Amino acid sequence: MHIKKPLNAFMLYMKEMRANVVAESTLKESAAINQILGRRWHALSREEQAKYYELARKERQLHMQLYPGWSARDNYGKKKKRKREK
C-alpha cells in the first residue's frame, strides 16, 4: 500500500483556500490557481501562517503515530523496473 507524506503548511493552506480562489476567479487551470495561492500565502503575516504550521505539525505527529516506521524514502523506487529481453 502507498502511504502519502503528511501535508506541509502550504499544502494545508492550499487545500483550505482553493475553493475560494476557484469561486472568485474564472481561471480553470490549476497552475494559475496555484500561482494565486502562492502569492496569497507569501502575503500572509507570520501569525496567519503559524496556524498552518501548527496544523502541519499535528499532521506530522498523527502520521508518525499511524505509521511509526515510515520514511519518505519508502515511497521512492517502488516502481518495478522492466527488464529488457535480449
PDB file of N, CA and C in Angstrom:
ATOM      1  N   MET A   1       0.831  -1.199   0.000  1.00  0.00           N
ATOM      2  CA  MET A   1       0.000   0.000   0.000  1.00  0.00           C
ATOM      3  C   MET A   1       0.871   1.256   0.000  1.00  0.00           C
ATOM      4  N   HIS A   2       0.434   2.264  -0.729  1.00  0.00           N
ATOM      5  CA  HIS A   2       1.197   3.516  -0.833  1.00  0.00           C
ATOM      6  C   HIS A   2       0.775   4.468   0.279  1.00  0.00           C
ATOM      7  N   ILE A   3       1.717   4.866   1.114  1.00  0.00           N
ATOM      8  CA  ILE A   3       1.440   5.807   2.190  1.00  0.00           C
ATOM      9  C   ILE A   3       1.935   7.176   1.764  1.00  0.00           C
ATOM     10  N   LYS A   4       1.033   8.158   1.761  1.00  0.00           N
ATOM     11  CA  LYS A   4       1.421   9.510   1.357  1.00  0.00           C
ATOM     12  C   LYS A   4       2.148  10.230   2.470  1.00  0.00           C
ATOM     13  N   LYS A   5       2.934  11.225   2.070  1.00  0.00           N
ATOM     14  CA  LYS A   5       3.603  12.092   3.043  1.00  0.00           C
ATOM     15  C   LYS A   5       2.545  12.918   3.765  1.00  0.00           C
ATOM     16  N   PRO A   6       2.836  13.323   5.005  1.00  0.00           N
ATOM     17  CA  PRO A   6       1.908  14.261   5.663  1.00  0.00           C
ATOM     18  C   PRO A   6       1.981  15.614   4.948  1.00  0.00           C
ATOM     19  N   LEU A   7       0.879  16.344   4.898  1.00  0.00           N
ATOM     20  CA  LEU A   7       0.851  17.627   4.198  1.00  0.00           C
ATOM     21  C   LEU A   7       1.650  18.683   4.962  1.00  0.00           C
ATOM     22  N   ASN A   8       2.325  19.547   4.215  1.00  0.00           N
ATOM     23  CA  ASN A   8       3.040  20.646   4.874  1.00  0.00           C
ATOM     24  C   ASN A   8       2.105  21.845   5.027  1.00  0.00           C
ATOM     25  N   ALA A   9       2.589  22.904   5.671  1.00  0.00           N
ATOM     26  CA  ALA A   9       1.753  24.066   5.987  1.00  0.00           C
ATOM     27  C   ALA A   9       1.125  24.670   4.726  1.00  0.00           C
ATOM     28  N   PHE A  10       1.919  24.845   3.678  1.00  0.00           N
ATOM     29  CA  PHE A  10       1.396  25.447   2.451  1.00  0.00           C
ATOM     30  C   PHE A  10       0.336  24.563   1.801  1.00  0.00           C
ATOM     31  N   MET A  11       0.560  23.256   1.799  1.00  0.00           N
ATOM     32  CA  MET A  11      -0.414  22.342   1.203  1.00  0.00           C
ATOM     33  C   MET A  11      -1.743  22.390   1.968  1.00  0.00           C
ATOM     34  N   LEU A  12      -1.669  22.488   3.277  1.00  0.00           N
ATOM     35  CA  LEU A  12      -2.887  22.601   4.086  1.00  0.00           C
ATOM     36  C   LEU A  12      -3.611  23.912   3.767  1.00  0.00           C
ATOM     37  N   TYR A  13      -2.846  24.981   3.595  1.00  0.00           N
ATOM     38  CA  TYR A  13      -3.416  26.285   3.221  1.00  0.00           C
ATOM     39  C   TYR A  13      -4.108  26.180   1.864  1.00  0.00           C
ATOM     40  N   MET A  14      -3.420  25.556   0.911  1.00  0.00           N
ATOM     41  CA  MET A  14      -3.992  25.398  -0.437  1.00  0.00           C
ATOM     42  C   MET A  14      -5.290  24.606  -0.395  1.00  0.00           C
ATOM     43  N   LYS A  15      -5.282  23.528   0.388  1.00  0.00           N
ATOM     44  CA  LYS A  15      -6.458  22.664   0.495  1.00  0.00           C
ATOM     45  C   LYS A  15      -7.660  23.467   1.009  1.00  0.00           C
ATOM     46  N   GLU A  16      -7.391  24.341   1.980  1.00  0.00           N
ATOM     47  CA  GLU A  16      -8.459  25.131   2.587  1.00  0.00           C
ATOM     48  C   GLU A  16      -8.934  26.266   1.678  1.00  0.00           C
ATOM     49  N   MET A  17      -8.010  26.894   0.968  1.00  0.00           N
ATOM     50  CA  MET A  17      -8.332  28.106   0.209  1.00  0.00           C
ATOM     51  C   MET A  17      -8.655  27.902  -1.274  1.00  0.00           C
ATOM     52  N   ARG A  18      -8.336  26.725  -1.804  1.00  0.00           N
ATOM     53  CA  ARG A  18      -8.521  26.504  -3.247  1.00  0.00           C
ATOM     54  C   ARG A  18      -9.936  26.818  -3.717  1.00  0.00           C
ATOM     55  N   ALA A  19     -10.950  26.344  -2.981  1.00  0.00           N
ATOM     56  CA  ALA A  19     -12.345  26.554  -3.381  1.00  0.00           C
ATOM     57  C   ALA A  19     -12.666  28.048  -3.481  1.00  0.00           C
ATOM     58  N   ASN A  20     -12.146  28.857  -2.533  1.00  0.00           N
ATOM     59  CA  ASN A  20     -12.380  30.305  -2.564  1.00  0.00           C
ATOM     60  C   ASN A  20     -11.822  30.921  -3.831  1.00  0.00           C
ATOM     61  N   VAL A  21     -10.587  30.546  -4.165  1.00  0.00           N
ATOM     62  CA  VAL A  21      -9.921  31.112  -5.344  1.00  0.00           C
ATOM     63  C   VAL A  21     -10.662  30.691  -6.613  1.00  0.00           C
ATOM     64  N   VAL A  22     -11.066  29.436  -6.670  1.00  0.00           N
ATOM     65  CA  VAL A  22     -11.794  28.939  -7.843  1.00  0.00           C
ATOM     66  C   VAL A  22     -13.104  29.701  -7.988  1.00  0.00           C
ATOM     67  N   ALA A  23     -13.789  29.959  -6.867  1.00  0.00           N
ATOM     68  CA  ALA A  23     -15.062  30.679  -6.890  1.00  0.00           C
ATOM     69  C   ALA A  23     -14.878  32.140  -7.313  1.00  0.00           C
ATOM     70  N   GLU A  24     -13.770  32.765  -6.856  1.00  0.00           N
ATOM     71  CA  GLU A  24     -13.534  34.181  -7.144  1.00  0.00           C
ATOM     72  C   GLU A  24     -13.085  34.434  -8.576  1.00  0.00           C
ATOM     73  N   SER A  25     -12.352  33.480  -9.139  1.00  0.00           N
ATOM     74  CA  SER A  25     -11.783  33.741 -10.460  1.00  0.00           C
ATOM     75  C   SER A  25     -12.431  32.870 -11.519  1.00  0.00           C
ATOM     76  N   THR A  26     -12.175  33.245 -12.774  1.00  0.00           N
ATOM     77  CA  THR A  26     -12.725  32.492 -13.898  1.00  0.00           C
ATOM     78  C   THR A  26     -11.723  31.433 -14.350  1.00  0.00           C
ATOM     79  N   LEU A  27     -10.549  31.418 -13.699  1.00  0.00           N
ATOM     80  CA  LEU A  27      -9.479  30.501 -14.106  1.00  0.00           C
ATOM     81  C   LEU A  27      -9.854  29.055 -13.814  1.00  0.00           C
ATOM     82  N   LYS A  28      -9.493  28.191 -14.732  1.00  0.00           N
ATOM     83  CA  LYS A  28      -9.753  26.764 -14.536  1.00  0.00           C
ATOM     84  C   LYS A  28      -8.444  25.972 -14.399  1.00  0.00           C
ATOM     85  N   GLU A  29      -7.343  26.531 -14.938  1.00  0.00           N
ATOM     86  CA  GLU A  29      -6.071  25.803 -14.901  1.00  0.00           C
ATOM     87  C   GLU A  29      -5.533  25.790 -13.471  1.00  0.00           C
ATOM     88  N   SER A  30      -5.177  24.613 -13.004  1.00  0.00           N
ATOM     89  CA  SER A  30      -4.705  24.523 -11.625  1.00  0.00           C
ATOM     90  C   SER A  30      -3.379  25.253 -11.442  1.00  0.00           C
ATOM     91  N   ALA A  31      -2.555  25.344 -12.490  1.00  0.00           N
ATOM     92  CA  ALA A  31      -1.271  26.041 -12.370  1.00  0.00           C
ATOM     93  C   ALA A  31      -1.496  27.514 -12.038  1.00  0.00           C
ATOM     94  N   ALA A  32      -2.476  28.135 -12.700  1.00  0.00           N
ATOM     95  CA  ALA A  32      -2.768  29.554 -12.459  1.00  0.00           C
ATOM     96  C   ALA A  32      -3.334  29.739 -11.054  1.00  0.00           C
ATOM     97  N   ILE A  33      -4.178  28.819 -10.639  1.00  0.00           N
ATOM     98  CA  ILE A  33      -4.771  28.877  -9.306  1.00  0.00           C
ATOM     99  C   ILE A  33      -3.681  28.699  -8.245  1.00  0.00           C
ATOM    100  N   ASN A  34      -2.760  27.771  -8.484  1.00  0.00           N
ATOM    101  CA  ASN A  34      -1.648  27.556  -7.556  1.00  0.00           C
ATOM    102  C   ASN A  34      -0.785  28.807  -7.433  1.00  0.00           C
ATOM    103  N   GLN A  35      -0.627  29.529  -8.542  1.00  0.00           N
ATOM    104  CA  GLN A  35       0.161  30.763  -8.543  1.00  0.00           C
ATOM    105  C   GLN A  35      -0.484  31.804  -7.628  1.00  0.00           C
ATOM    106  N   ILE A  36      -1.798  31.949  -7.752  1.00  0.00           N
ATOM    107  CA  ILE A  36      -2.539  32.897  -6.910  1.00  0.00           C
ATOM    108  C   ILE A  36      -2.400  32.483  -5.445  1.00  0.00           C
ATOM    109  N   LEU A  37      -2.587  31.198  -5.188  1.00  0.00           N
ATOM    110  CA  LEU A  37      -2.474  30.695  -3.812  1.00  0.00           C
ATOM    111  C   LEU A  37      -1.081  30.951  -3.253  1.00  0.00           C
ATOM    112  N   GLY A  38      -0.065  30.769  -4.068  1.00  0.00           N
ATOM    113  CA  GLY A  38       1.308  31.011  -3.645  1.00  0.00           C
ATOM    114  C   GLY A  38       1.533  32.463  -3.270  1.00  0.00           C
ATOM    115  N   ARG A  39       0.995  33.372  -4.112  1.00  0.00           N
ATOM    116  CA  ARG A  39       1.145  34.808  -3.822  1.00  0.00           C
ATOM    117  C   ARG A  39       0.422  35.165  -2.527  1.00  0.00           C
ATOM    118  N   ARG A  40      -0.774  34.614  -2.341  1.00  0.00           N
ATOM    119  CA  ARG A  40      -1.539  34.905  -1.125  1.00  0.00           C
ATOM    120  C   ARG A  40      -0.837  34.362   0.114  1.00  0.00           C
ATOM    121  N   TRP A  41      -0.239  33.177  -0.027  1.00  0.00           N
ATOM    122  CA  TRP A  41       0.490  32.561   1.089  1.00  0.00           C
ATOM    123  C   TRP A  41       1.624  33.481   1.528  1.00  0.00           C
ATOM    124  N   HIS A  42       2.381  34.013   0.553  1.00  0.00           N
ATOM    125  CA  HIS A  42       3.512  34.882   0.882  1.00  0.00           C
ATOM    126  C   HIS A  42       3.044  36.218   1.454  1.00  0.00           C
ATOM    127  N   ALA A  43       1.811  36.611   1.117  1.00  0.00           N
ATOM    128  CA  ALA A  43       1.276  37.878   1.622  1.00  0.00           C
ATOM    129  C   ALA A  43       0.777  37.749   3.066  1.00  0.00           C
ATOM    130  N   LEU A  44       0.560  36.525   3.517  1.00  0.00           N
ATOM    131  CA  LEU A  44       0.084  36.321   4.888  1.00  0.00           C
ATOM    132  C   LEU A  44       1.149  36.747   5.901  1.00  0.00           C
ATOM    133  N   SER A  45       0.667  37.190   7.059  1.00  0.00           N
ATOM    134  CA  SER A  45       1.607  37.534   8.128  1.00  0.00           C
ATOM    135  C   SER A  45       2.118  36.239   8.759  1.00  0.00           C
ATOM    136  N   ARG A  46       3.194  36.369   9.534  1.00  0.00           N
ATOM    137  CA  ARG A  46       3.755  35.202  10.235  1.00  0.00           C
ATOM    138  C   ARG A  46       2.698  34.558  11.140  1.00  0.00           C
ATOM    139  N   GLU A  47       1.879  35.398  11.780  1.00  0.00           N
ATOM    140  CA  GLU A  47       0.855  34.880  12.701  1.00  0.00           C
ATOM    141  C   GLU A  47      -0.181  34.060  11.939  1.00  0.00           C
ATOM    142  N   GLU A  48      -0.570  34.574  10.765  1.00  0.00           N
ATOM    143  CA  GLU A  48      -1.566  33.856   9.964  1.00  0.00           C
ATOM    144  C   GLU A  48      -0.984  32.532   9.449  1.00  0.00           C
ATOM    145  N   GLN A  49       0.282  32.557   9.057  1.00  0.00           N
ATOM    146  CA  GLN A  49       0.919  31.327   8.585  1.00  0.00           C
ATOM    147  C   GLN A  49       1.106  30.338   9.729  1.00  0.00           C
ATOM    148  N   ALA A  50       1.325  30.851  10.931  1.00  0.00           N
ATOM    149  CA  ALA A  50       1.600  30.000  12.093  1.00  0.00           C
ATOM    150  C   ALA A  50       0.494  28.971  12.310  1.00  0.00           C
ATOM    151  N   LYS A  51      -0.749  29.362  12.044  1.00  0.00           N
ATOM    152  CA  LYS A  51      -1.893  28.452  12.184  1.00  0.00           C
ATOM    153  C   LYS A  51      -1.679  27.194  11.328  1.00  0.00           C
ATOM    154  N   TYR A  52      -1.207  27.404  10.115  1.00  0.00           N
ATOM    155  CA  TYR A  52      -0.996  26.281   9.196  1.00  0.00           C
ATOM    156  C   TYR A  52       0.229  25.463   9.570  1.00  0.00           C
ATOM    157  N   TYR A  53       1.264  26.142  10.091  1.00  0.00           N
ATOM    158  CA  TYR A  53       2.448  25.406  10.538  1.00  0.00           C
ATOM    159  C   TYR A  53       2.086  24.505  11.722  1.00  0.00           C
ATOM    160  N   GLU A  54       1.194  25.002  12.570  1.00  0.00           N
ATOM    161  CA  GLU A  54       0.735  24.219  13.720  1.00  0.00           C
ATOM    162  C   GLU A  54      -0.071  23.001  13.238  1.00  0.00           C
ATOM    163  N   LEU A  55      -0.964  23.225  12.277  1.00  0.00           N
ATOM    164  CA  LEU A  55      -1.742  22.120  11.705  1.00  0.00           C
ATOM    165  C   LEU A  55      -0.817  21.081  11.082  1.00  0.00           C
ATOM    166  N   ALA A  56       0.211  21.557  10.390  1.00  0.00           N
ATOM    167  CA  ALA A  56       1.160  20.660   9.723  1.00  0.00           C
ATOM    168  C   ALA A  56       1.919  19.831  10.764  1.00  0.00           C
ATOM    169  N   ARG A  57       2.252  20.478  11.883  1.00  0.00           N
ATOM    170  CA  ARG A  57       2.967  19.769  12.954  1.00  0.00           C
ATOM    171  C   ARG A  57       2.088  18.647  13.515  1.00  0.00           C
ATOM    172  N   LYS A  58       0.801  18.963  13.718  1.00  0.00           N
ATOM    173  CA  LYS A  58      -0.138  17.948  14.224  1.00  0.00           C
ATOM    174  C   LYS A  58      -0.290  16.812  13.215  1.00  0.00           C
ATOM    175  N   GLU A  59      -0.353  17.189  11.960  1.00  0.00           N
ATOM    176  CA  GLU A  59      -0.469  16.198  10.890  1.00  0.00           C
ATOM    177  C   GLU A  59       0.733  15.248  10.892  1.00  0.00           C
ATOM    178  N   ARG A  60       1.940  15.825  11.059  1.00  0.00           N
ATOM    179  CA  ARG A  60       3.154  15.004  11.114  1.00  0.00           C
ATOM    180  C   ARG A  60       3.129  14.059  12.303  1.00  0.00           C
ATOM    181  N   GLN A  61       2.690  14.571  13.465  1.00  0.00           N
ATOM    182  CA  GLN A  61       2.636  13.730  14.668  1.00  0.00           C
ATOM    183  C   GLN A  61       1.659  12.575  14.484  1.00  0.00           C
ATOM    184  N   LEU A  62       0.490  12.886  13.926  1.00  0.00           N
ATOM    185  CA  LEU A  62      -0.515  11.852  13.682  1.00  0.00           C
ATOM    186  C   LEU A  62       0.039  10.805  12.717  1.00  0.00           C
ATOM    187  N   HIS A  63       0.708  11.283  11.674  1.00  0.00           N
ATOM    188  CA  HIS A  63       1.300  10.403  10.667  1.00  0.00           C
ATOM    189  C   HIS A  63       2.322   9.473  11.324  1.00  0.00           C
ATOM    190  N   MET A  64       3.123  10.040  12.245  1.00  0.00           N
ATOM    191  CA  MET A  64       4.131   9.237  12.932  1.00  0.00           C
ATOM    192  C   MET A  64       3.486   8.170  13.817  1.00  0.00           C
ATOM    193  N   GLN A  65       2.334   8.493  14.417  1.00  0.00           N
ATOM    194  CA  GLN A  65       1.630   7.514  15.244  1.00  0.00           C
ATOM    195  C   GLN A  65       1.021   6.404  14.390  1.00  0.00           C
ATOM    196  N   LEU A  66       0.450   6.798  13.246  1.00  0.00           N
ATOM    197  CA  LEU A  66      -0.194   5.814  12.370  1.00  0.00           C
ATOM    198  C   LEU A  66       0.819   4.911  11.682  1.00  0.00           C
ATOM    199  N   TYR A  67       1.937   5.491  11.259  1.00  0.00           N
ATOM    200  CA  TYR A  67       2.954   4.736  10.522  1.00  0.00           C
ATOM    201  C   TYR A  67       4.309   4.956  11.182  1.00  0.00           C
ATOM    202  N   PRO A  68       4.549   4.309  12.326  1.00  0.00           N
ATOM    203  CA  PRO A  68       5.766   4.583  13.106  1.00  0.00           C
ATOM    204  C   PRO A  68       7.076   4.375  12.354  1.00  0.00           C
ATOM    205  N   GLY A  69       7.174   3.355  11.517  1.00  0.00           N
ATOM    206  CA  GLY A  69       8.448   3.088  10.855  1.00  0.00           C
ATOM    207  C   GLY A  69       8.593   3.751   9.504  1.00  0.00           C
ATOM    208  N   TRP A  70       7.595   4.547   9.110  1.00  0.00           N
ATOM    209  CA  TRP A  70       7.547   5.113   7.766  1.00  0.00           C
ATOM    210  C   TRP A  70       8.619   6.165   7.551  1.00  0.00           C
ATOM    211  N   SER A  71       9.198   6.151   6.366  1.00  0.00           N
ATOM    212  CA  SER A  71      10.083   7.253   5.988  1.00  0.00           C
ATOM    213  C   SER A  71       9.730   7.625   4.549  1.00  0.00           C
ATOM    214  N   ALA A  72       9.931   8.874   4.198  1.00  0.00           N
ATOM    215  CA  ALA A  72       9.591   9.339   2.851  1.00  0.00           C
ATOM    216  C   ALA A  72      10.320   8.517   1.797  1.00  0.00           C
ATOM    217  N   ARG A  73      11.483   8.004   2.169  1.00  0.00           N
ATOM    218  CA  ARG A  73      12.287   7.221   1.239  1.00  0.00           C
ATOM    219  C   ARG A  73      11.546   5.961   0.781  1.00  0.00           C
ATOM    220  N   ASP A  74      10.638   5.471   1.643  1.00  0.00           N
ATOM    221  CA  ASP A  74       9.898   4.247   1.300  1.00  0.00           C
ATOM    222  C   ASP A  74       9.048   4.404   0.040  1.00  0.00           C
ATOM    223  N   ASN A  75       8.672   5.648  -0.283  1.00  0.00           N
ATOM    224  CA  ASN A  75       7.812   5.872  -1.445  1.00  0.00           C
ATOM    225  C   ASN A  75       8.571   5.893  -2.758  1.00  0.00           C
ATOM    226  N   TYR A  76       9.879   6.037  -2.680  1.00  0.00           N
ATOM    227  CA  TYR A  76      10.642   6.176  -3.910  1.00  0.00           C
ATOM    228  C   TYR A  76      11.260   4.850  -4.335  1.00  0.00           C
ATOM    229  N   GLY A  77      11.371   4.690  -5.632  1.00  0.00           N
ATOM    230  CA  GLY A  77      11.997   3.493  -6.171  1.00  0.00           C
ATOM    231  C   GLY A  77      11.146   2.249  -6.036  1.00  0.00           C
ATOM    232  N   LYS A  78       9.838   2.431  -5.819  1.00  0.00           N
ATOM    233  CA  LYS A  78       8.950   1.282  -5.664  1.00  0.00           C
ATOM    234  C   LYS A  78       8.503   0.724  -7.010  1.00  0.00           C
ATOM    235  N   LYS A  79       8.556   1.566  -8.047  1.00  0.00           N
ATOM    236  CA  LYS A  79       8.098   1.117  -9.357  1.00  0.00           C
ATOM    237  C   LYS A  79       8.999   0.003  -9.863  1.00  0.00           C
ATOM    238  N   LYS A  80       8.381  -1.034 -10.361  1.00  0.00           N
ATOM    239  CA  LYS A  80       9.149  -2.170 -10.871  1.00  0.00           C
ATOM    240  C   LYS A  80       9.835  -1.761 -12.177  1.00  0.00           C
ATOM    241  N   LYS A  81      11.100  -2.014 -12.251  1.00  0.00           N
ATOM    242  CA  LYS A  81      11.830  -1.728 -13.486  1.00  0.00           C
ATOM    243  C   LYS A  81      11.642  -2.927 -14.423  1.00  0.00           C
ATOM    244  N   ARG A  82      11.271  -2.578 -15.651  1.00  0.00           N
ATOM    245  CA  ARG A  82      11.094  -3.638 -16.638  1.00  0.00           C
ATOM    246  C   ARG A  82      12.435  -4.113 -17.147  1.00  0.00           C
ATOM    247  N   LYS A  83      12.603  -5.394 -17.166  1.00  0.00           N
ATOM    248  CA  LYS A  83      13.856  -5.943 -17.682  1.00  0.00           C
ATOM    249  C   LYS A  83      13.737  -6.100 -19.181  1.00  0.00           C
ATOM    250  N   ARG A  84      14.750  -5.631 -19.884  1.00  0.00           N
ATOM    251  CA  ARG A  84      14.740  -5.791 -21.341  1.00  0.00           C
ATOM    252  C   ARG A  84      15.162  -7.195 -21.708  1.00  0.00           C
ATOM    253  N   GLU A  85      14.423  -7.748 -22.608  1.00  0.00           N
ATOM    254  CA  GLU A  85      14.818  -9.080 -23.064  1.00  0.00           C
ATOM    255  C   GLU A  85      15.793  -8.937 -24.205  1.00  0.00           C
ATOM    256  N   LYS A  86      16.823  -9.785 -24.168  1.00  0.00           N
ATOM    257  CA  LYS A  86      17.848  -9.703 -25.216  1.00  0.00           C
ATOM    258  C   LYS A  86      17.437 -10.493 -26.432  1.00  0.00           C
TER     259      LYS A  86
END
